[in-house]
C-alpha atoms as a PDB file:
ATOM      1  CA  UNK A   1       9.662   1.089 -17.954  1.00  0.00           C
ATOM      2  CA  UNK A   2       8.239  -2.230 -17.918  1.00  0.00           C
ATOM      3  CA  UNK A   3       4.620  -2.701 -16.296  1.00  0.00           C
ATOM      4  CA  UNK A   4       4.566  -5.422 -13.492  1.00  0.00           C
ATOM      5  CA  UNK A   5       1.231  -4.805 -12.532  1.00  0.00           C
ATOM      6  CA  UNK A   6      -1.727  -3.432 -14.478  1.00  0.00           C
ATOM      7  CA  UNK A   7      -4.893  -2.557 -12.572  1.00  0.00           C
ATOM      8  CA  UNK A   8      -8.028  -1.716 -14.473  1.00  0.00           C
ATOM      9  CA  UNK A   9     -11.515  -0.553 -13.286  1.00  0.00           C
ATOM     10  CA  UNK A  10     -10.886  -2.084  -9.944  1.00  0.00           C
ATOM     11  CA  UNK A  11     -14.067  -1.717  -7.575  1.00  0.00           C
ATOM     12  CA  UNK A  12     -14.511  -3.013  -3.925  1.00  0.00           C
ATOM     13  CA  UNK A  13     -17.894  -2.786  -2.088  1.00  0.00           C
ATOM     14  CA  UNK A  14     -18.461  -4.276   1.261  1.00  0.00           C
ATOM     15  CA  UNK A  15     -21.948  -5.270   2.240  1.00  0.00           C
ATOM     16  CA  UNK A  16     -23.222  -3.755   5.319  1.00  0.00           C
ATOM     17  CA  UNK A  17     -24.742  -6.621   7.594  1.00  0.00           C
ATOM     18  CA  UNK A  18     -28.284  -5.409   8.996  1.00  0.00           C
ATOM     19  CA  UNK A  19     -30.510  -7.169  11.550  1.00  0.00           C
ATOM     20  CA  UNK A  20     -33.621  -6.184   9.317  1.00  0.00           C
ATOM     21  CA  UNK A  21     -33.829  -8.402   6.305  1.00  0.00           C
ATOM     22  CA  UNK A  22     -36.401  -6.208   4.705  1.00  0.00           C
ATOM     23  CA  UNK A  23     -34.375  -3.097   4.759  1.00  0.00           C
ATOM     24  CA  UNK A  24     -32.387  -1.904   1.392  1.00  0.00           C
ATOM     25  CA  UNK A  25     -28.905  -3.521   1.193  1.00  0.00           C
ATOM     26  CA  UNK A  26     -26.127  -0.967   1.728  1.00  0.00           C
ATOM     27  CA  UNK A  27     -22.550  -0.942   0.881  1.00  0.00           C
ATOM     28  CA  UNK A  28     -19.337   0.382   1.815  1.00  0.00           C
ATOM     29  CA  UNK A  29     -17.896   1.756  -1.331  1.00  0.00           C
ATOM     30  CA  UNK A  30     -14.085   1.039  -0.530  1.00  0.00           C
ATOM     31  CA  UNK A  31     -12.576   1.089  -3.928  1.00  0.00           C
ATOM     32  CA  UNK A  32     -14.017   3.321  -7.048  1.00  0.00           C
ATOM     33  CA  UNK A  33     -12.820   2.198 -10.522  1.00  0.00           C
ATOM     34  CA  UNK A  34      -9.198   2.292  -9.776  1.00  0.00           C
ATOM     35  CA  UNK A  35      -6.868   2.251 -13.014  1.00  0.00           C
ATOM     36  CA  UNK A  36      -3.304   2.062 -11.803  1.00  0.00           C
ATOM     37  CA  UNK A  37       0.020   0.687 -12.993  1.00  0.00           C
ATOM     38  CA  UNK A  38       3.104  -0.473 -11.002  1.00  0.00           C
ATOM     39  CA  UNK A  39       6.114  -0.510 -12.837  1.00  0.00           C
ATOM     40  CA  UNK A  40       8.833  -3.197 -12.467  1.00  0.00           C
ATOM     41  CA  UNK A  41      11.639  -2.141 -10.092  1.00  0.00           C
ATOM     42  CA  UNK A  42      10.069   0.948  -8.599  1.00  0.00           C
ATOM     43  CA  UNK A  43       8.496   1.793  -5.233  1.00  0.00           C
ATOM     44  CA  UNK A  44       5.227   3.213  -5.629  1.00  0.00           C
ATOM     45  CA  UNK A  45       3.865   5.366  -2.542  1.00  0.00           C
ATOM     46  CA  UNK A  46       0.157   5.104  -1.861  1.00  0.00           C
ATOM     47  CA  UNK A  47      -0.992   7.856   0.568  1.00  0.00           C
ATOM     48  CA  UNK A  48      -4.279   9.246   1.889  1.00  0.00           C
ATOM     49  CA  UNK A  49      -6.321   9.765   5.103  1.00  0.00           C
ATOM     50  CA  UNK A  50      -7.173   6.642   7.047  1.00  0.00           C
ATOM     51  CA  UNK A  51     -10.193   4.864   5.672  1.00  0.00           C
ATOM     52  CA  UNK A  52      -9.699   6.187   1.905  1.00  0.00           C
ATOM     53  CA  UNK A  53      -9.005   2.411   0.814  1.00  0.00           C
ATOM     54  CA  UNK A  54      -5.085   2.249   0.684  1.00  0.00           C
ATOM     55  CA  UNK A  55      -5.160  -1.316   2.538  1.00  0.00           C
ATOM     56  CA  UNK A  56      -8.150  -2.415   0.575  1.00  0.00           C
ATOM     57  CA  UNK A  57      -6.245  -1.478  -2.800  1.00  0.00           C
ATOM     58  CA  UNK A  58      -3.312  -3.383  -1.385  1.00  0.00           C
ATOM     59  CA  UNK A  59      -5.057  -6.738  -0.457  1.00  0.00           C
ATOM     60  CA  UNK A  60      -7.138  -6.259  -3.652  1.00  0.00           C
ATOM     61  CA  UNK A  61      -3.909  -6.649  -5.634  1.00  0.00           C
ATOM     62  CA  UNK A  62      -2.644  -9.828  -3.956  1.00  0.00           C
ATOM     63  CA  UNK A  63      -6.333 -11.208  -4.104  1.00  0.00           C
ATOM     64  CA  UNK A  64      -6.648 -11.371  -0.426  1.00  0.00           C
ATOM     65  CA  UNK A  65     -10.162 -10.135  -1.018  1.00  0.00           C
ATOM     66  CA  UNK A  66     -12.469 -10.582  -3.895  1.00  0.00           C
ATOM     67  CA  UNK A  67     -12.892  -7.333  -5.900  1.00  0.00           C
ATOM     68  CA  UNK A  68     -14.320  -6.988  -9.241  1.00  0.00           C
ATOM     69  CA  UNK A  69     -12.224  -5.568 -12.176  1.00  0.00           C
ATOM     70  CA  UNK A  70      -8.683  -6.707 -13.390  1.00  0.00           C
ATOM     71  CA  UNK A  71      -5.536  -6.999 -11.783  1.00  0.00           C
ATOM     72  CA  UNK A  72      -2.804  -8.257 -14.184  1.00  0.00           C
ATOM     73  CA  UNK A  73       0.687  -9.537 -12.969  1.00  0.00           C
ATOM     74  CA  UNK A  74       3.235 -10.093 -15.794  1.00  0.00           C
ATOM     75  CA  UNK A  75       0.011 -10.084 -18.245  1.00  0.00           C
ATOM     76  CA  UNK A  76      -2.141 -12.721 -16.288  1.00  0.00           C
ATOM     77  CA  UNK A  77      -5.200 -11.609 -14.409  1.00  0.00           C
ATOM     78  CA  UNK A  78      -4.858 -13.021 -10.982  1.00  0.00           C
ATOM     79  CA  UNK A  79      -8.397 -12.266 -10.041  1.00  0.00           C
ATOM     80  CA  UNK A  80      -9.234 -15.267 -12.097  1.00  0.00           C
ATOM     81  CA  UNK A  81      -6.743 -17.686 -11.018  1.00  0.00           C
ATOM     82  CA  UNK A  82      -7.482 -20.948  -9.097  1.00  0.00           C
ATOM     83  CA  UNK A  83      -5.717 -23.393  -6.761  1.00  0.00           C
ATOM     84  CA  UNK A  84      -2.192 -23.962  -8.046  1.00  0.00           C
ATOM     85  CA  UNK A  85      -1.844 -20.959 -10.256  1.00  0.00           C
ATOM     86  CA  UNK A  86      -2.929 -18.714  -7.119  1.00  0.00           C
ATOM     87  CA  UNK A  87      -0.277 -20.614  -5.199  1.00  0.00           C
ATOM     88  CA  UNK A  88       2.413 -19.853  -7.593  1.00  0.00           C
ATOM     89  CA  UNK A  89       1.330 -16.201  -7.532  1.00  0.00           C
ATOM     90  CA  UNK A  90       1.774 -16.216  -4.039  1.00  0.00           C
ATOM     91  CA  UNK A  91       5.275 -17.169  -4.282  1.00  0.00           C
ATOM     92  CA  UNK A  92       6.015 -14.063  -6.451  1.00  0.00           C
ATOM     93  CA  UNK A  93       3.931 -11.448  -4.233  1.00  0.00           C
ATOM     94  CA  UNK A  94       3.945 -11.072  -0.668  1.00  0.00           C
ATOM     95  CA  UNK A  95       2.776  -8.574   2.137  1.00  0.00           C
ATOM     96  CA  UNK A  96       4.096  -6.807   5.011  1.00  0.00           C
ATOM     97  CA  UNK A  97       1.364  -6.117   7.433  1.00  0.00           C
ATOM     98  CA  UNK A  98       1.029  -3.058   9.615  1.00  0.00           C
ATOM     99  CA  UNK A  99       1.101  -4.454  13.196  1.00  0.00           C
ATOM    100  CA  UNK A 100       4.273  -6.829  13.777  1.00  0.00           C
ATOM    101  CA  UNK A 101       2.444  -7.549  17.273  1.00  0.00           C
ATOM    102  CA  UNK A 102      -0.349  -9.432  15.548  1.00  0.00           C
ATOM    103  CA  UNK A 103       1.147 -10.716  12.329  1.00  0.00           C
ATOM    104  CA  UNK A 104       3.512 -13.052  13.736  1.00  0.00           C
ATOM    105  CA  UNK A 105       2.536 -16.430  15.337  1.00  0.00           C
ATOM    106  CA  UNK A 106       3.513 -16.349  18.973  1.00  0.00           C
ATOM    107  CA  UNK A 107       3.659 -20.135  19.332  1.00  0.00           C
ATOM    108  CA  UNK A 108       6.374 -20.578  16.572  1.00  0.00           C
ATOM    109  CA  UNK A 109      10.078 -19.431  16.968  1.00  0.00           C
ATOM    110  CA  UNK A 110      11.430 -17.416  14.265  1.00  0.00           C
ATOM    111  CA  UNK A 111      13.000 -20.492  12.454  1.00  0.00           C
ATOM    112  CA  UNK A 112       9.679 -22.120  12.071  1.00  0.00           C
ATOM    113  CA  UNK A 113       8.050 -18.715  11.202  1.00  0.00           C
ATOM    114  CA  UNK A 114      10.723 -18.636   8.471  1.00  0.00           C
ATOM    115  CA  UNK A 115      10.476 -22.146   7.614  1.00  0.00           C
ATOM    116  CA  UNK A 116       6.942 -22.592   6.962  1.00  0.00           C
ATOM    117  CA  UNK A 117       6.337 -20.642   3.629  1.00  0.00           C
ATOM    118  CA  UNK A 118       9.425 -22.656   2.305  1.00  0.00           C
ATOM    119  CA  UNK A 119       7.594 -26.040   3.304  1.00  0.00           C
ATOM    120  CA  UNK A 120       4.099 -24.774   2.114  1.00  0.00           C
ATOM    121  CA  UNK A 121       5.653 -24.055  -1.346  1.00  0.00           C
ATOM    122  CA  UNK A 122       7.480 -27.562  -1.660  1.00  0.00           C
ATOM    123  CA  UNK A 123      11.043 -26.887  -0.429  1.00  0.00           C
ATOM    124  CA  UNK A 124      11.629 -29.889   1.707  1.00  0.00           C
ATOM    125  CA  UNK A 125      15.314 -30.297   1.705  1.00  0.00           C
ATOM    126  CA  UNK A 126      16.744 -29.381   5.000  1.00  0.00           C
ATOM    127  CA  UNK A 127      20.048 -27.920   3.651  1.00  0.00           C
ATOM    128  CA  UNK A 128      18.319 -25.662   1.183  1.00  0.00           C
ATOM    129  CA  UNK A 129      15.782 -24.667   3.984  1.00  0.00           C
ATOM    130  CA  UNK A 130      18.556 -23.470   6.128  1.00  0.00           C
ATOM    131  CA  UNK A 131      20.789 -21.835   3.563  1.00  0.00           C
ATOM    132  CA  UNK A 132      17.516 -19.723   2.521  1.00  0.00           C
ATOM    133  CA  UNK A 133      16.803 -18.893   6.236  1.00  0.00           C
ATOM    134  CA  UNK A 134      20.493 -18.021   7.138  1.00  0.00           C
ATOM    135  CA  UNK A 135      20.743 -15.793   3.995  1.00  0.00           C
ATOM    136  CA  UNK A 136      17.537 -13.785   4.653  1.00  0.00           C
ATOM    137  CA  UNK A 137      18.318 -13.571   8.394  1.00  0.00           C
ATOM    138  CA  UNK A 138      21.788 -11.715   7.255  1.00  0.00           C
ATOM    139  CA  UNK A 139      20.021  -9.533   4.852  1.00  0.00           C
ATOM    140  CA  UNK A 140      17.424  -8.543   7.218  1.00  0.00           C
ATOM    141  CA  UNK A 141      19.956  -7.487  10.100  1.00  0.00           C
ATOM    142  CA  UNK A 142      19.018 -10.500  12.317  1.00  0.00           C
ATOM    143  CA  UNK A 143      21.460 -12.875  14.079  1.00  0.00           C
ATOM    144  CA  UNK A 144      21.153 -16.740  13.793  1.00  0.00           C
ATOM    145  CA  UNK A 145      20.857 -16.767  17.634  1.00  0.00           C
ATOM    146  CA  UNK A 146      17.410 -15.100  17.082  1.00  0.00           C
ATOM    147  CA  UNK A 147      16.173 -17.758  15.132  1.00  0.00           C
ATOM    148  CA  UNK A 148      15.698 -20.038  18.497  1.00  0.00           C
ATOM    149  CA  UNK A 149      13.595 -17.267  20.002  1.00  0.00           C
ATOM    150  CA  UNK A 150       9.824 -16.400  20.287  1.00  0.00           C
ATOM    151  CA  UNK A 151       8.298 -13.127  18.555  1.00  0.00           C
ATOM    152  CA  UNK A 152       7.503 -11.803  22.252  1.00  0.00           C
ATOM    153  CA  UNK A 153      11.261 -11.754  23.025  1.00  0.00           C
ATOM    154  CA  UNK A 154      11.652  -8.978  20.532  1.00  0.00           C
ATOM    155  CA  UNK A 155      11.171  -5.377  20.373  1.00  0.00           C
ATOM    156  CA  UNK A 156       8.587  -3.732  17.602  1.00  0.00           C
ATOM    157  CA  UNK A 157      11.286  -2.937  15.261  1.00  0.00           C
ATOM    158  CA  UNK A 158      13.013  -6.383  15.379  1.00  0.00           C
ATOM    159  CA  UNK A 159       9.582  -8.126  15.086  1.00  0.00           C
ATOM    160  CA  UNK A 160       9.183  -6.010  11.760  1.00  0.00           C
ATOM    161  CA  UNK A 161      12.481  -7.340  10.705  1.00  0.00           C
ATOM    162  CA  UNK A 162      11.153 -10.836  11.042  1.00  0.00           C
ATOM    163  CA  UNK A 163       7.962  -9.925   9.375  1.00  0.00           C
ATOM    164  CA  UNK A 164      10.248  -8.523   6.454  1.00  0.00           C
ATOM    165  CA  UNK A 165      12.439 -11.703   6.380  1.00  0.00           C
ATOM    166  CA  UNK A 166       9.112 -14.093   6.258  1.00  0.00           C
ATOM    167  CA  UNK A 167       7.965 -12.015   3.139  1.00  0.00           C
ATOM    168  CA  UNK A 168      11.151 -12.309   1.473  1.00  0.00           C
ATOM    169  CA  UNK A 169      11.859 -15.619   2.288  1.00  0.00           C
ATOM    170  CA  UNK A 170      10.349 -17.054  -1.016  1.00  0.00           C
ATOM    171  CA  UNK A 171      12.368 -14.550  -3.277  1.00  0.00           C
ATOM    172  CA  UNK A 172       9.317 -12.493  -4.389  1.00  0.00           C
ATOM    173  CA  UNK A 173       9.328  -9.910  -7.228  1.00  0.00           C
ATOM    174  CA  UNK A 174       6.531  -7.811  -5.627  1.00  0.00           C
ATOM    175  CA  UNK A 175       6.034  -6.655  -2.098  1.00  0.00           C
ATOM    176  CA  UNK A 176       2.872  -4.751  -0.538  1.00  0.00           C
ATOM    177  CA  UNK A 177       4.345  -2.839   2.689  1.00  0.00           C
ATOM    178  CA  UNK A 178       1.037  -1.625   4.375  1.00  0.00           C
ATOM    179  CA  UNK A 179       2.152   1.071   6.856  1.00  0.00           C
ATOM    180  CA  UNK A 180       5.054  -1.289   7.969  1.00  0.00           C
ATOM    181  CA  UNK A 181       6.556   1.589  10.486  1.00  0.00           C
ATOM    182  CA  UNK A 182       3.438   3.300  11.641  1.00  0.00           C
ATOM    183  CA  UNK A 183       3.391   1.083  14.984  1.00  0.00           C
ATOM    184  CA  UNK A 184       7.198   1.778  15.583  1.00  0.00           C
ATOM    185  CA  UNK A 185       9.013   4.355  17.405  1.00  0.00           C
ATOM    186  CA  UNK A 186      10.622   7.194  15.082  1.00  0.00           C
ATOM    187  CA  UNK A 187      14.277   6.102  15.397  1.00  0.00           C
ATOM    188  CA  UNK A 188      13.244   2.493  14.564  1.00  0.00           C
ATOM    189  CA  UNK A 189      11.118   3.745  11.646  1.00  0.00           C
ATOM    190  CA  UNK A 190      14.077   4.987  10.027  1.00  0.00           C
ATOM    191  CA  UNK A 191      16.097   1.931  10.285  1.00  0.00           C
ATOM    192  CA  UNK A 192      13.267  -0.126   8.769  1.00  0.00           C
ATOM    193  CA  UNK A 193      12.691   2.490   5.994  1.00  0.00           C
ATOM    194  CA  UNK A 194      16.545   2.268   5.197  1.00  0.00           C
ATOM    195  CA  UNK A 195      16.379  -1.497   5.396  1.00  0.00           C
ATOM    196  CA  UNK A 196      13.497  -1.974   2.874  1.00  0.00           C
ATOM    197  CA  UNK A 197      15.290   0.660   0.391  1.00  0.00           C
ATOM    198  CA  UNK A 198      18.501  -1.359   0.548  1.00  0.00           C
ATOM    199  CA  UNK A 199      16.573  -4.690   0.245  1.00  0.00           C
ATOM    200  CA  UNK A 200      14.952  -3.267  -2.811  1.00  0.00           C
ATOM    201  CA  UNK A 201      18.327  -2.575  -4.573  1.00  0.00           C
ATOM    202  CA  UNK A 202      19.916  -5.857  -3.610  1.00  0.00           C
ATOM    203  CA  UNK A 203      16.867  -8.226  -4.590  1.00  0.00           C
ATOM    204  CA  UNK A 204      15.516  -5.973  -7.474  1.00  0.00           C
ATOM    205  CA  UNK A 205      11.957  -5.868  -5.700  1.00  0.00           C
ATOM    206  CA  UNK A 206       9.027  -3.750  -6.929  1.00  0.00           C
ATOM    207  CA  UNK A 207       7.082  -2.291  -3.860  1.00  0.00           C
ATOM    208  CA  UNK A 208       3.848  -0.944  -3.220  1.00  0.00           C
ATOM    209  CA  UNK A 209       4.539   1.111  -0.116  1.00  0.00           C
ATOM    210  CA  UNK A 210       1.344   2.355   1.750  1.00  0.00           C
ATOM    211  CA  UNK A 211       1.358   4.909   4.231  1.00  0.00           C
ATOM    212  CA  UNK A 212      -0.149   8.291   5.677  1.00  0.00           C
ATOM    213  CA  UNK A 213       3.213   9.816   6.445  1.00  0.00           C
ATOM    214  CA  UNK A 214       4.263  11.852   3.598  1.00  0.00           C
ATOM    215  CA  UNK A 215       7.652  12.524   5.010  1.00  0.00           C
ATOM    216  CA  UNK A 216       8.557   8.706   4.734  1.00  0.00           C
ATOM    217  CA  UNK A 217       6.941   8.619   1.129  1.00  0.00           C
ATOM    218  CA  UNK A 218       8.889  11.453  -0.126  1.00  0.00           C
ATOM    219  CA  UNK A 219      12.198   9.965   1.079  1.00  0.00           C
ATOM    220  CA  UNK A 220      11.578   6.297  -0.177  1.00  0.00           C
ATOM    221  CA  UNK A 221       9.122   6.044  -3.258  1.00  0.00           C
ATOM    222  CA  UNK A 222       9.807   7.092  -6.924  1.00  0.00           C
ATOM    223  CA  UNK A 223       6.286   7.571  -7.962  1.00  0.00           C
ATOM    224  CA  UNK A 224       3.256   8.506  -5.401  1.00  0.00           C
ATOM    225  CA  UNK A 225      -0.423   7.927  -5.849  1.00  0.00           C
ATOM    226  CA  UNK A 226      -3.059   9.917  -3.751  1.00  0.00           C
ATOM    227  CA  UNK A 227      -6.050   8.186  -2.681  1.00  0.00           C
ATOM    228  CA  UNK A 228      -9.128  10.162  -1.459  1.00  0.00           C
ATOM    229  CA  UNK A 229     -12.454   8.144  -0.540  1.00  0.00           C
ATOM    230  CA  UNK A 230     -11.528   5.332  -2.939  1.00  0.00           C
ATOM    231  CA  UNK A 231     -10.334   7.267  -5.825  1.00  0.00           C
ATOM    232  CA  UNK A 232      -6.912   7.916  -6.991  1.00  0.00           C
ATOM    233  CA  UNK A 233      -6.723  11.711  -7.365  1.00  0.00           C
ATOM    234  CA  UNK A 234      -3.241  12.378  -8.404  1.00  0.00           C
ATOM    235  CA  UNK A 235      -0.355  10.304  -9.513  1.00  0.00           C
ATOM    236  CA  UNK A 236       3.317  11.625 -10.194  1.00  0.00           C
ATOM    237  CA  UNK A 237       6.882  11.228  -9.556  1.00  0.00           C
ATOM    238  CA  UNK A 238       7.849  12.085  -5.923  1.00  0.00           C
ATOM    239  CA  UNK A 239       9.933  15.267  -6.699  1.00  0.00           C
ATOM    240  CA  UNK A 240       7.258  16.801  -8.932  1.00  0.00           C
ATOM    241  CA  UNK A 241       4.231  15.959  -6.573  1.00  0.00           C
ATOM    242  CA  UNK A 242       5.878  17.969  -3.822  1.00  0.00           C
ATOM    243  CA  UNK A 243       7.146  20.555  -5.901  1.00  0.00           C
ATOM    244  CA  UNK A 244       4.020  21.173  -7.847  1.00  0.00           C
ATOM    245  CA  UNK A 245       0.794  19.486  -6.568  1.00  0.00           C
ATOM    246  CA  UNK A 246      -2.210  19.903  -8.552  1.00  0.00           C
ATOM    247  CA  UNK A 247      -4.933  18.649  -6.833  1.00  0.00           C
ATOM    248  CA  UNK A 248      -6.746  20.572  -3.786  1.00  0.00           C
ATOM    249  CA  UNK A 249      -6.584  17.486  -1.794  1.00  0.00           C
ATOM    250  CA  UNK A 250      -2.817  16.672  -2.714  1.00  0.00           C
ATOM    251  CA  UNK A 251      -2.032  20.369  -1.564  1.00  0.00           C
ATOM    252  CA  UNK A 252      -3.860  20.362   1.517  1.00  0.00           C
ATOM    253  CA  UNK A 253      -1.833  16.997   2.573  1.00  0.00           C
ATOM    254  CA  UNK A 254       1.479  18.603   1.335  1.00  0.00           C
ATOM    255  CA  UNK A 255       0.871  21.638   3.421  1.00  0.00           C
ATOM    256  CA  UNK A 256       0.335  19.736   6.590  1.00  0.00           C
ATOM    257  CA  UNK A 257       3.903  18.039   6.536  1.00  0.00           C
ATOM    258  CA  UNK A 258       5.660  19.516   9.501  1.00  0.00           C
ATOM    259  CA  UNK A 259       8.661  21.670   8.324  1.00  0.00           C
ATOM    260  CA  UNK A 260      10.813  24.269  10.263  1.00  0.00           C
ATOM    261  CA  UNK A 261      10.736  26.357   7.172  1.00  0.00           C
ATOM    262  CA  UNK A 262       7.240  26.953   6.920  1.00  0.00           C
ATOM    263  CA  UNK A 263       4.730  29.013   8.726  1.00  0.00           C
ATOM    264  CA  UNK A 264       1.624  28.045  10.386  1.00  0.00           C
ATOM    265  CA  UNK A 265      -0.562  30.170   7.984  1.00  0.00           C
ATOM    266  CA  UNK A 266       0.682  28.321   4.879  1.00  0.00           C
ATOM    267  CA  UNK A 267      -0.953  25.173   6.054  1.00  0.00           C
ATOM    268  CA  UNK A 268      -4.344  24.463   4.085  1.00  0.00           C
ATOM    269  CA  UNK A 269      -7.124  23.762   6.317  1.00  0.00           C
ATOM    270  CA  UNK A 270      -9.702  21.345   4.995  1.00  0.00           C
ATOM    271  CA  UNK A 271     -13.379  22.041   5.836  1.00  0.00           C
ATOM    272  CA  UNK A 272     -15.744  19.652   7.236  1.00  0.00           C
ATOM    273  CA  UNK A 273     -15.368  15.769   8.060  1.00  0.00           C
ATOM    274  CA  UNK A 274     -14.362  12.996   5.684  1.00  0.00           C
ATOM    275  CA  UNK A 275     -17.690  11.953   3.982  1.00  0.00           C
ATOM    276  CA  UNK A 276     -18.874   8.263   4.826  1.00  0.00           C
ATOM    277  CA  UNK A 277     -17.938   5.764   1.999  1.00  0.00           C
ATOM    278  CA  UNK A 278     -21.278   4.308   2.674  1.00  0.00           C
ATOM    279  CA  UNK A 279     -22.944   7.298   0.996  1.00  0.00           C
ATOM    280  CA  UNK A 280     -20.080   8.972  -0.827  1.00  0.00           C
ATOM    281  CA  UNK A 281     -20.862  12.522  -2.668  1.00  0.00           C
ATOM    282  CA  UNK A 282     -21.965  12.802  -6.211  1.00  0.00           C
ATOM    283  CA  UNK A 283     -19.471  14.188  -8.815  1.00  0.00           C
ATOM    284  CA  UNK A 284     -16.083  14.727  -7.566  1.00  0.00           C
ATOM    285  CA  UNK A 285     -15.760  13.145  -4.112  1.00  0.00           C
ATOM    286  CA  UNK A 286     -13.821  15.937  -2.692  1.00  0.00           C
ATOM    287  CA  UNK A 287     -15.973  18.706  -3.451  1.00  0.00           C
ATOM    288  CA  UNK A 288     -17.608  18.950  -0.148  1.00  0.00           C
ATOM    289  CA  UNK A 289     -14.045  19.933   1.375  1.00  0.00           C
ATOM    290  CA  UNK A 290     -12.766  21.772  -1.683  1.00  0.00           C
ATOM    291  CA  UNK A 291     -11.796  25.395  -1.438  1.00  0.00           C
ATOM    292  CA  UNK A 292     -12.118  25.735  -5.354  1.00  0.00           C
ATOM    293  CA  UNK A 293     -15.450  23.710  -5.722  1.00  0.00           C
ATOM    294  CA  UNK A 294     -17.925  24.582  -8.562  1.00  0.00           C
ATOM    295  CA  UNK A 295     -21.327  23.649  -9.376  1.00  0.00           C
ATOM    296  CA  UNK A 296     -20.060  21.224 -11.924  1.00  0.00           C
ATOM    297  CA  UNK A 297     -18.058  19.506  -9.161  1.00  0.00           C
ATOM    298  CA  UNK A 298     -21.233  18.140  -7.639  1.00  0.00           C
ATOM    299  CA  UNK A 299     -22.639  17.067 -10.772  1.00  0.00           C
ATOM    300  CA  UNK A 300     -19.803  15.494 -12.889  1.00  0.00           C
ATOM    301  CA  UNK A 301     -17.370  12.976 -11.870  1.00  0.00           C
ATOM    302  CA  UNK A 302     -14.035  14.445 -13.080  1.00  0.00           C
ATOM    303  CA  UNK A 303     -11.881  12.612 -15.745  1.00  0.00           C
ATOM    304  CA  UNK A 304      -8.106  11.865 -15.159  1.00  0.00           C
ATOM    305  CA  UNK A 305      -6.104  14.461 -16.986  1.00  0.00           C
ATOM    306  CA  UNK A 306      -2.608  14.139 -18.143  1.00  0.00           C
ATOM    307  CA  UNK A 307      -0.410  17.049 -16.936  1.00  0.00           C
ATOM    308  CA  UNK A 308       2.850  15.757 -18.294  1.00  0.00           C
ATOM    309  CA  UNK A 309       4.215  12.137 -19.044  1.00  0.00           C
ATOM    310  CA  UNK A 310       4.397  11.268 -15.443  1.00  0.00           C
ATOM    311  CA  UNK A 311       1.828  13.491 -13.861  1.00  0.00           C
ATOM    312  CA  UNK A 312      -1.926  12.919 -13.642  1.00  0.00           C
ATOM    313  CA  UNK A 313      -4.716  14.549 -11.911  1.00  0.00           C
ATOM    314  CA  UNK A 314      -8.494  13.817 -11.474  1.00  0.00           C
ATOM    315  CA  UNK A 315     -10.089  17.449 -11.025  1.00  0.00           C
ATOM    316  CA  UNK A 316     -12.176  19.580 -13.253  1.00  0.00           C
ATOM    317  CA  UNK A 317      -9.821  22.544 -12.974  1.00  0.00           C
ATOM    318  CA  UNK A 318      -7.276  20.830 -15.358  1.00  0.00           C
ATOM    319  CA  UNK A 319      -9.880  19.483 -17.834  1.00  0.00           C
END
C-alpha cells in the first residue's frame, strides 16, 4: 500500500517556564524520536494513556506546532514549508478537535462556519460555495435548516457533525481525528464512529484516529500504534494486536478492556504511576512499571524489532 505520510526521527520538547532565570532550563519530552508511516486509504489508530503524546503527534504531523525531524506528505517535508506552500498543504489535511463545544465559533452560524474555509482558500463563487456546503451537509447527516442556526443550539453529537463537515469542506486527503468522540455520550459515540467509517469509504480518506478507547479503535482502525511516554512501543494490524499483543504495556492496556467473557483476575495491573515526561526513565521508558523488567531495560533503549511484515515492537524481550 502506498505511503501518504512518512514520519522520521520526530522529536518535540516543550520548554518549562520558570521564574528563576539562572535555573537550568528544563523540557517536557513529549515526542521521542518517532518513526511511523501512514498508508494511503487506511485508518491508523493511535492509543495510549493521557499525557503520552498522542495529541502532540497529531498536531506535529499537521505542523500546528514546530517539532524537529521530518514529516513527508506525498514526498514533501511539510515541516520546511512556508506561506503559500503550507496553505496548500492545509487544504489537503485537516483536523477534528476533541471538544466540539470549544472548537466552533459561537458567533457564527453553521453556514458561515462552513463557508469560511472555502473563502480563505480562494473559492468565492457563491454557487460553488453553496453547492459544496449542501453536499457536505447531506454527507454528514445535517439538514439545510441547520445552516441558519448557531452552535449553542445543537447537542454535542450534532456539534461534532458540524466540526466534521468543516474539516471535510475543502475535500482533504488526510484527516487527524483527535479523540473526536470522547466528550460524547456512548450512544452518540456510535453514530459519529459509524459516520467517520462511512465517510472514509465514500471520500477515500486517510485518517489518523487518536483515542484512549481500545474498543472504538478495534472496531474502526486498520492498524494500531501504541504510545507510551512519547515512544511508539508497538505497531500492528488491528486483529493481530488484539489477538497477540507483544509489548507488556500493550498487554496491560488490552487486558483492561471491559468484557463479559473475561474474569477480573485476567486484568494486568501496572505498578506505580506514569513517570513525568520532564524526567523520563533511562533505557526503556516502561521499565519502571514492567513485570518483565531486567537490568538491561534500565540501561539500554530498546530497538524496534520486526515480528512480522505488519507487526513491530520496541522491547528487549524480542531483540
